[in-house]
Amino acid sequence: MAEIRAEMVANVFKVNAAEGDRVDEGDTLFVLESMKMEVPVQVEDPGRVISIQVDEGDVVQEGDLLAVVES
């Protein structure tokens, strides 16, 4: 299982996946917004989304858990 974590303090601008979705390497799970820049959060390995821990509009801190993906 892979934990997808925030790399910075940001707003969750867009959630592109739902629990149970299959994802491929390079798919964008989230778009974070920080200092008017949009930062995609991508999957490193293919798998299935087990849980989504944030909603659009949430504010996340560096290291916060965004999602869990099972290979």
PDB file of N, CA and C in Angstrom:
ATOM      1  N   MET A   1       0.839  -1.182   0.000  1.00  0.00           N
ATOM      2  CA  MET A   1       0.000   0.000   0.000  1.00  0.00           C
ATOM      3  C   MET A   1       0.880   1.239   0.000  1.00  0.00           C
ATOM      4  N   ALA A   2       0.418   2.230  -0.723  1.00  0.00           N
ATOM      5  CA  ALA A   2       1.145   3.494  -0.789  1.00  0.00           C
ATOM      6  C   ALA A   2       0.296   4.597  -0.167  1.00  0.00           C
ATOM      7  N   GLU A   3       0.908   5.349   0.715  1.00  0.00           N
ATOM      8  CA  GLU A   3       0.242   6.508   1.298  1.00  0.00           C
ATOM      9  C   GLU A   3       0.629   7.726   0.476  1.00  0.00           C
ATOM     10  N   ILE A   4      -0.355   8.459  -0.004  1.00  0.00           N
ATOM     11  CA  ILE A   4      -0.118   9.677  -0.762  1.00  0.00           C
ATOM     12  C   ILE A   4      -0.260  10.832   0.222  1.00  0.00           C
ATOM     13  N   ARG A   5       0.823  11.594   0.383  1.00  0.00           N
ATOM     14  CA  ARG A   5       0.850  12.671   1.384  1.00  0.00           C
ATOM     15  C   ARG A   5       1.111  14.016   0.721  1.00  0.00           C
ATOM     16  N   ALA A   6       0.641  15.070   1.372  1.00  0.00           N
ATOM     17  CA  ALA A   6       0.868  16.435   0.881  1.00  0.00           C
ATOM     18  C   ALA A   6       2.335  16.790   1.051  1.00  0.00           C
ATOM     19  N   GLU A   7       2.897  17.411   0.024  1.00  0.00           N
ATOM     20  CA  GLU A   7       4.299  17.820   0.083  1.00  0.00           C
ATOM     21  C   GLU A   7       4.460  19.264   0.553  1.00  0.00           C
ATOM     22  N   MET A   8       3.316  19.955   0.756  1.00  0.00           N
ATOM     23  CA  MET A   8       3.369  21.362   1.152  1.00  0.00           C
ATOM     24  C   MET A   8       2.049  21.761   1.784  1.00  0.00           C
ATOM     25  N   VAL A   9       2.016  22.917   2.389  1.00  0.00           N
ATOM     26  CA  VAL A   9       0.770  23.510   2.865  1.00  0.00           C
ATOM     27  C   VAL A   9       0.035  24.003   1.623  1.00  0.00           C
ATOM     28  N   ALA A  10      -1.233  23.584   1.475  1.00  0.00           N
ATOM     29  CA  ALA A  10      -1.971  23.944   0.264  1.00  0.00           C
ATOM     30  C   ALA A  10      -3.467  23.759   0.467  1.00  0.00           C
ATOM     31  N   ASN A  11      -4.230  24.283  -0.481  1.00  0.00           N
ATOM     32  CA  ASN A  11      -5.664  24.031  -0.562  1.00  0.00           C
ATOM     33  C   ASN A  11      -5.874  22.879  -1.538  1.00  0.00           C
ATOM     34  N   VAL A  12      -6.821  22.010  -1.236  1.00  0.00           N
ATOM     35  CA  VAL A  12      -7.180  20.945  -2.171  1.00  0.00           C
ATOM     36  C   VAL A  12      -8.105  21.586  -3.207  1.00  0.00           C
ATOM     37  N   PHE A  13      -7.574  21.795  -4.394  1.00  0.00           N
ATOM     38  CA  PHE A  13      -8.311  22.477  -5.460  1.00  0.00           C
ATOM     39  C   PHE A  13      -9.246  21.512  -6.182  1.00  0.00           C
ATOM     40  N   LYS A  14      -8.768  20.290  -6.462  1.00  0.00           N
ATOM     41  CA  LYS A  14      -9.578  19.320  -7.200  1.00  0.00           C
ATOM     42  C   LYS A  14      -9.237  17.900  -6.756  1.00  0.00           C
ATOM     43  N   VAL A  15     -10.265  17.079  -6.603  1.00  0.00           N
ATOM     44  CA  VAL A  15     -10.103  15.656  -6.312  1.00  0.00           C
ATOM     45  C   VAL A  15     -10.526  14.908  -7.575  1.00  0.00           C
ATOM     46  N   ASN A  16      -9.597  14.156  -8.180  1.00  0.00           N
ATOM     47  CA  ASN A  16      -9.851  13.493  -9.461  1.00  0.00           C
ATOM     48  C   ASN A  16     -10.151  12.006  -9.338  1.00  0.00           C
ATOM     49  N   ALA A  17     -10.201  11.471  -8.134  1.00  0.00           N
ATOM     50  CA  ALA A  17     -10.424  10.035  -7.955  1.00  0.00           C
ATOM     51  C   ALA A  17     -11.406   9.810  -6.815  1.00  0.00           C
ATOM     52  N   ALA A  18     -11.962   8.617  -6.801  1.00  0.00           N
ATOM     53  CA  ALA A  18     -12.876   8.227  -5.731  1.00  0.00           C
ATOM     54  C   ALA A  18     -12.431   6.876  -5.188  1.00  0.00           C
ATOM     55  N   GLU A  19     -12.865   6.556  -3.988  1.00  0.00           N
ATOM     56  CA  GLU A  19     -12.532   5.259  -3.407  1.00  0.00           C
ATOM     57  C   GLU A  19     -13.018   4.149  -4.334  1.00  0.00           C
ATOM     58  N   GLY A  20     -12.157   3.155  -4.563  1.00  0.00           N
ATOM     59  CA  GLY A  20     -12.485   2.043  -5.435  1.00  0.00           C
ATOM     60  C   GLY A  20     -12.008   2.209  -6.869  1.00  0.00           C
ATOM     61  N   ASP A  21     -11.629   3.429  -7.259  1.00  0.00           N
ATOM     62  CA  ASP A  21     -11.145   3.671  -8.622  1.00  0.00           C
ATOM     63  C   ASP A  21      -9.818   2.967  -8.863  1.00  0.00           C
ATOM     64  N   ARG A  22      -9.637   2.453 -10.080  1.00  0.00           N
ATOM     65  CA  ARG A  22      -8.334   1.925 -10.508  1.00  0.00           C
ATOM     66  C   ARG A  22      -7.543   3.086 -11.075  1.00  0.00           C
ATOM     67  N   VAL A  23      -6.271   3.158 -10.735  1.00  0.00           N
ATOM     68  CA  VAL A  23      -5.411   4.236 -11.216  1.00  0.00           C
ATOM     69  C   VAL A  23      -4.134   3.646 -11.811  1.00  0.00           C
ATOM     70  N   ASP A  24      -3.587   4.353 -12.780  1.00  0.00           N
ATOM     71  CA  ASP A  24      -2.347   3.952 -13.434  1.00  0.00           C
ATOM     72  C   ASP A  24      -1.220   4.888 -13.035  1.00  0.00           C
ATOM     73  N   GLU A  25       0.007   4.439 -13.220  1.00  0.00           N
ATOM     74  CA  GLU A  25       1.179   5.260 -12.947  1.00  0.00           C
ATOM     75  C   GLU A  25       1.057   6.587 -13.688  1.00  0.00           C
ATOM     76  N   GLY A  26       1.259   7.679 -12.980  1.00  0.00           N
ATOM     77  CA  GLY A  26       1.206   9.007 -13.583  1.00  0.00           C
ATOM     78  C   GLY A  26      -0.158   9.667 -13.553  1.00  0.00           C
ATOM     79  N   ASP A  27      -1.220   8.931 -13.156  1.00  0.00           N
ATOM     80  CA  ASP A  27      -2.543   9.546 -13.037  1.00  0.00           C
ATOM     81  C   ASP A  27      -2.520  10.617 -11.948  1.00  0.00           C
ATOM     82  N   THR A  28      -3.234  11.699 -12.169  1.00  0.00           N
ATOM     83  CA  THR A  28      -3.326  12.774 -11.188  1.00  0.00           C
ATOM     84  C   THR A  28      -4.508  12.518 -10.264  1.00  0.00           C
ATOM     85  N   LEU A  29      -4.216  12.290  -8.974  1.00  0.00           N
ATOM     86  CA  LEU A  29      -5.274  12.058  -7.989  1.00  0.00           C
ATOM     87  C   LEU A  29      -5.878  13.368  -7.489  1.00  0.00           C
ATOM     88  N   PHE A  30      -5.006  14.346  -7.267  1.00  0.00           N
ATOM     89  CA  PHE A  30      -5.427  15.624  -6.704  1.00  0.00           C
ATOM     90  C   PHE A  30      -4.697  16.751  -7.415  1.00  0.00           C
ATOM     91  N   VAL A  31      -5.305  17.935  -7.345  1.00  0.00           N
ATOM     92  CA  VAL A  31      -4.606  19.153  -7.713  1.00  0.00           C
ATOM     93  C   VAL A  31      -4.633  20.023  -6.462  1.00  0.00           C
ATOM     94  N   LEU A  32      -3.444  20.359  -5.982  1.00  0.00           N
ATOM     95  CA  LEU A  32      -3.322  21.249  -4.830  1.00  0.00           C
ATOM     96  C   LEU A  32      -3.016  22.652  -5.331  1.00  0.00           C
ATOM     97  N   GLU A  33      -3.441  23.655  -4.567  1.00  0.00           N
ATOM     98  CA  GLU A  33      -3.171  25.041  -4.922  1.00  0.00           C
ATOM     99  C   GLU A  33      -2.409  25.687  -3.772  1.00  0.00           C
ATOM    100  N   SER A  34      -1.256  26.248  -4.116  1.00  0.00           N
ATOM    101  CA  SER A  34      -0.433  26.924  -3.117  1.00  0.00           C
ATOM    102  C   SER A  34       0.189  28.158  -3.762  1.00  0.00           C
ATOM    103  N   MET A  35      -0.037  29.306  -3.166  1.00  0.00           N
ATOM    104  CA  MET A  35       0.518  30.561  -3.666  1.00  0.00           C
ATOM    105  C   MET A  35       0.154  30.778  -5.139  1.00  0.00           C
ATOM    106  N   LYS A  36      -1.123  30.510  -5.457  1.00  0.00           N
ATOM    107  CA  LYS A  36      -1.693  30.691  -6.797  1.00  0.00           C
ATOM    108  C   LYS A  36      -1.083  29.773  -7.855  1.00  0.00           C
ATOM    109  N   MET A  37      -0.391  28.729  -7.412  1.00  0.00           N
ATOM    110  CA  MET A  37       0.151  27.738  -8.340  1.00  0.00           C
ATOM    111  C   MET A  37      -0.609  26.432  -8.139  1.00  0.00           C
ATOM    112  N   GLU A  38      -0.959  25.771  -9.245  1.00  0.00           N
ATOM    113  CA  GLU A  38      -1.612  24.473  -9.167  1.00  0.00           C
ATOM    114  C   GLU A  38      -0.549  23.385  -9.253  1.00  0.00           C
ATOM    115  N   VAL A  39      -0.578  22.459  -8.289  1.00  0.00           N
ATOM    116  CA  VAL A  39       0.412  21.398  -8.198  1.00  0.00           C
ATOM    117  C   VAL A  39      -0.291  20.042  -8.265  1.00  0.00           C
ATOM    118  N   PRO A  40      -0.042  19.262  -9.344  1.00  0.00           N
ATOM    119  CA  PRO A  40      -0.675  17.943  -9.425  1.00  0.00           C
ATOM    120  C   PRO A  40      -0.019  16.950  -8.468  1.00  0.00           C
ATOM    121  N   VAL A  41      -0.827  16.077  -7.877  1.00  0.00           N
ATOM    122  CA  VAL A  41      -0.338  14.987  -7.033  1.00  0.00           C
ATOM    123  C   VAL A  41      -0.634  13.709  -7.807  1.00  0.00           C
ATOM    124  N   GLN A  42       0.435  13.027  -8.246  1.00  0.00           N
ATOM    125  CA  GLN A  42       0.285  11.880  -9.127  1.00  0.00           C
ATOM    126  C   GLN A  42       0.598  10.565  -8.425  1.00  0.00           C
ATOM    127  N   VAL A  43       0.072   9.488  -9.009  1.00  0.00           N
ATOM    128  CA  VAL A  43       0.297   8.137  -8.510  1.00  0.00           C
ATOM    129  C   VAL A  43       1.610   7.625  -9.091  1.00  0.00           C
ATOM    130  N   GLU A  44       2.447   7.003  -8.250  1.00  0.00           N
ATOM    131  CA  GLU A  44       3.719   6.457  -8.722  1.00  0.00           C
ATOM    132  C   GLU A  44       3.585   5.034  -9.244  1.00  0.00           C
ATOM    133  N   ASP A  45       2.647   4.264  -8.703  1.00  0.00           N
ATOM    134  CA  ASP A  45       2.451   2.873  -9.115  1.00  0.00           C
ATOM    135  C   ASP A  45       0.967   2.617  -9.360  1.00  0.00           C
ATOM    136  N   PRO A  46       0.627   1.748 -10.324  1.00  0.00           N
ATOM    137  CA  PRO A  46      -0.777   1.442 -10.566  1.00  0.00           C
ATOM    138  C   PRO A  46      -1.397   0.709  -9.385  1.00  0.00           C
ATOM    139  N   GLY A  47      -2.706   0.848  -9.247  1.00  0.00           N
ATOM    140  CA  GLY A  47      -3.407   0.160  -8.158  1.00  0.00           C
ATOM    141  C   GLY A  47      -4.840   0.610  -8.051  1.00  0.00           C
ATOM    142  N   ARG A  48      -5.389   0.445  -6.843  1.00  0.00           N
ATOM    143  CA  ARG A  48      -6.774   0.831  -6.569  1.00  0.00           C
ATOM    144  C   ARG A  48      -6.796   1.767  -5.378  1.00  0.00           C
ATOM    145  N   VAL A  49      -7.594   2.818  -5.471  1.00  0.00           N
ATOM    146  CA  VAL A  49      -7.725   3.784  -4.383  1.00  0.00           C
ATOM    147  C   VAL A  49      -8.527   3.139  -3.258  1.00  0.00           C
ATOM    148  N   ILE A  50      -7.892   3.005  -2.103  1.00  0.00           N
ATOM    149  CA  ILE A  50      -8.538   2.402  -0.932  1.00  0.00           C
ATOM    150  C   ILE A  50      -9.286   3.462  -0.130  1.00  0.00           C
ATOM    151  N   SER A  51      -8.669   4.635   0.047  1.00  0.00           N
ATOM    152  CA  SER A  51      -9.355   5.700   0.791  1.00  0.00           C
ATOM    153  C   SER A  51      -8.886   7.070   0.321  1.00  0.00           C
ATOM    154  N   ILE A  52      -9.817   8.006   0.364  1.00  0.00           N
ATOM    155  CA  ILE A  52      -9.554   9.419   0.098  1.00  0.00           C
ATOM    156  C   ILE A  52      -9.795  10.139   1.420  1.00  0.00           C
ATOM    157  N   GLN A  53      -8.816  10.885   1.882  1.00  0.00           N
ATOM    158  CA  GLN A  53      -8.900  11.505   3.211  1.00  0.00           C
ATOM    159  C   GLN A  53      -9.246  12.992   3.187  1.00  0.00           C
ATOM    160  N   VAL A  54      -9.370  13.587   1.991  1.00  0.00           N
ATOM    161  CA  VAL A  54      -9.625  15.033   1.884  1.00  0.00           C
ATOM    162  C   VAL A  54     -10.762  15.304   0.907  1.00  0.00           C
ATOM    163  N   ASP A  55     -11.317  16.488   1.010  1.00  0.00           N
ATOM    164  CA  ASP A  55     -12.356  16.963   0.096  1.00  0.00           C
ATOM    165  C   ASP A  55     -11.869  18.244  -0.565  1.00  0.00           C
ATOM    166  N   GLU A  56     -12.462  18.567  -1.714  1.00  0.00           N
ATOM    167  CA  GLU A  56     -12.132  19.833  -2.361  1.00  0.00           C
ATOM    168  C   GLU A  56     -12.404  20.973  -1.389  1.00  0.00           C
ATOM    169  N   GLY A  57     -11.486  21.921  -1.331  1.00  0.00           N
ATOM    170  CA  GLY A  57     -11.616  23.060  -0.434  1.00  0.00           C
ATOM    171  C   GLY A  57     -10.906  22.891   0.899  1.00  0.00           C
ATOM    172  N   ASP A  58     -10.502  21.667   1.223  1.00  0.00           N
ATOM    173  CA  ASP A  58      -9.764  21.446   2.473  1.00  0.00           C
ATOM    174  C   ASP A  58      -8.389  22.107   2.408  1.00  0.00           C
ATOM    175  N   VAL A  59      -7.878  22.485   3.554  1.00  0.00           N
ATOM    176  CA  VAL A  59      -6.508  22.981   3.671  1.00  0.00           C
ATOM    177  C   VAL A  59      -5.677  21.859   4.286  1.00  0.00           C
ATOM    178  N   VAL A  60      -4.566  21.523   3.643  1.00  0.00           N
ATOM    179  CA  VAL A  60      -3.700  20.448   4.140  1.00  0.00           C
ATOM    180  C   VAL A  60      -2.345  21.018   4.532  1.00  0.00           C
ATOM    181  N   GLN A  61      -1.726  20.346   5.474  1.00  0.00           N
ATOM    182  CA  GLN A  61      -0.387  20.708   5.935  1.00  0.00           C
ATOM    183  C   GLN A  61       0.618  19.733   5.333  1.00  0.00           C
ATOM    184  N   GLU A  62       1.859  20.130   5.273  1.00  0.00           N
ATOM    185  CA  GLU A  62       2.910  19.243   4.771  1.00  0.00           C
ATOM    186  C   GLU A  62       2.893  17.937   5.562  1.00  0.00           C
ATOM    187  N   GLY A  63       2.842  16.810   4.844  1.00  0.00           N
ATOM    188  CA  GLY A  63       2.844  15.499   5.477  1.00  0.00           C
ATOM    189  C   GLY A  63       1.463  14.913   5.741  1.00  0.00           C
ATOM    190  N   ASP A  64       0.406  15.708   5.561  1.00  0.00           N
ATOM    191  CA  ASP A  64      -0.950  15.179   5.781  1.00  0.00           C
ATOM    192  C   ASP A  64      -1.263  14.064   4.788  1.00  0.00           C
ATOM    193  N   LEU A  65      -1.975  13.051   5.251  1.00  0.00           N
ATOM    194  CA  LEU A  65      -2.389  11.941   4.413  1.00  0.00           C
ATOM    195  C   LEU A  65      -3.530  12.388   3.501  1.00  0.00           C
ATOM    196  N   LEU A  66      -3.340  12.198   2.189  1.00  0.00           N
ATOM    197  CA  LEU A  66      -4.368  12.548   1.215  1.00  0.00           C
ATOM    198  C   LEU A  66      -5.168  11.329   0.789  1.00  0.00           C
ATOM    199  N   ALA A  67      -4.436  10.217   0.542  1.00  0.00           N
ATOM    200  CA  ALA A  67      -5.105   9.003   0.051  1.00  0.00           C
ATOM    201  C   ALA A  67      -4.226   7.799   0.293  1.00  0.00           C
ATOM    202  N   VAL A  68      -4.844   6.613   0.199  1.00  0.00           N
ATOM    203  CA  VAL A  68      -4.115   5.341   0.273  1.00  0.00           C
ATOM    204  C   VAL A  68      -4.437   4.572  -1.006  1.00  0.00           C
ATOM    205  N   VAL A  69      -3.376   4.104  -1.694  1.00  0.00           N
ATOM    206  CA  VAL A  69      -3.540   3.341  -2.927  1.00  0.00           C
ATOM    207  C   VAL A  69      -2.905   1.969  -2.716  1.00  0.00           C
ATOM    208  N   GLU A  70      -3.657   0.925  -3.042  1.00  0.00           N
ATOM    209  CA  GLU A  70      -3.182  -0.446  -2.917  1.00  0.00           C
ATOM    210  C   GLU A  70      -2.707  -0.938  -4.275  1.00  0.00           C
ATOM    211  N   SER A  71      -1.517  -1.496  -4.312  1.00  0.00           N
ATOM    212  CA  SER A  71      -0.963  -2.002  -5.573  1.00  0.00           C
ATOM    213  C   SER A  71      -1.661  -3.270  -6.003  1.00  0.00           C
TER     214      SER A  71
END
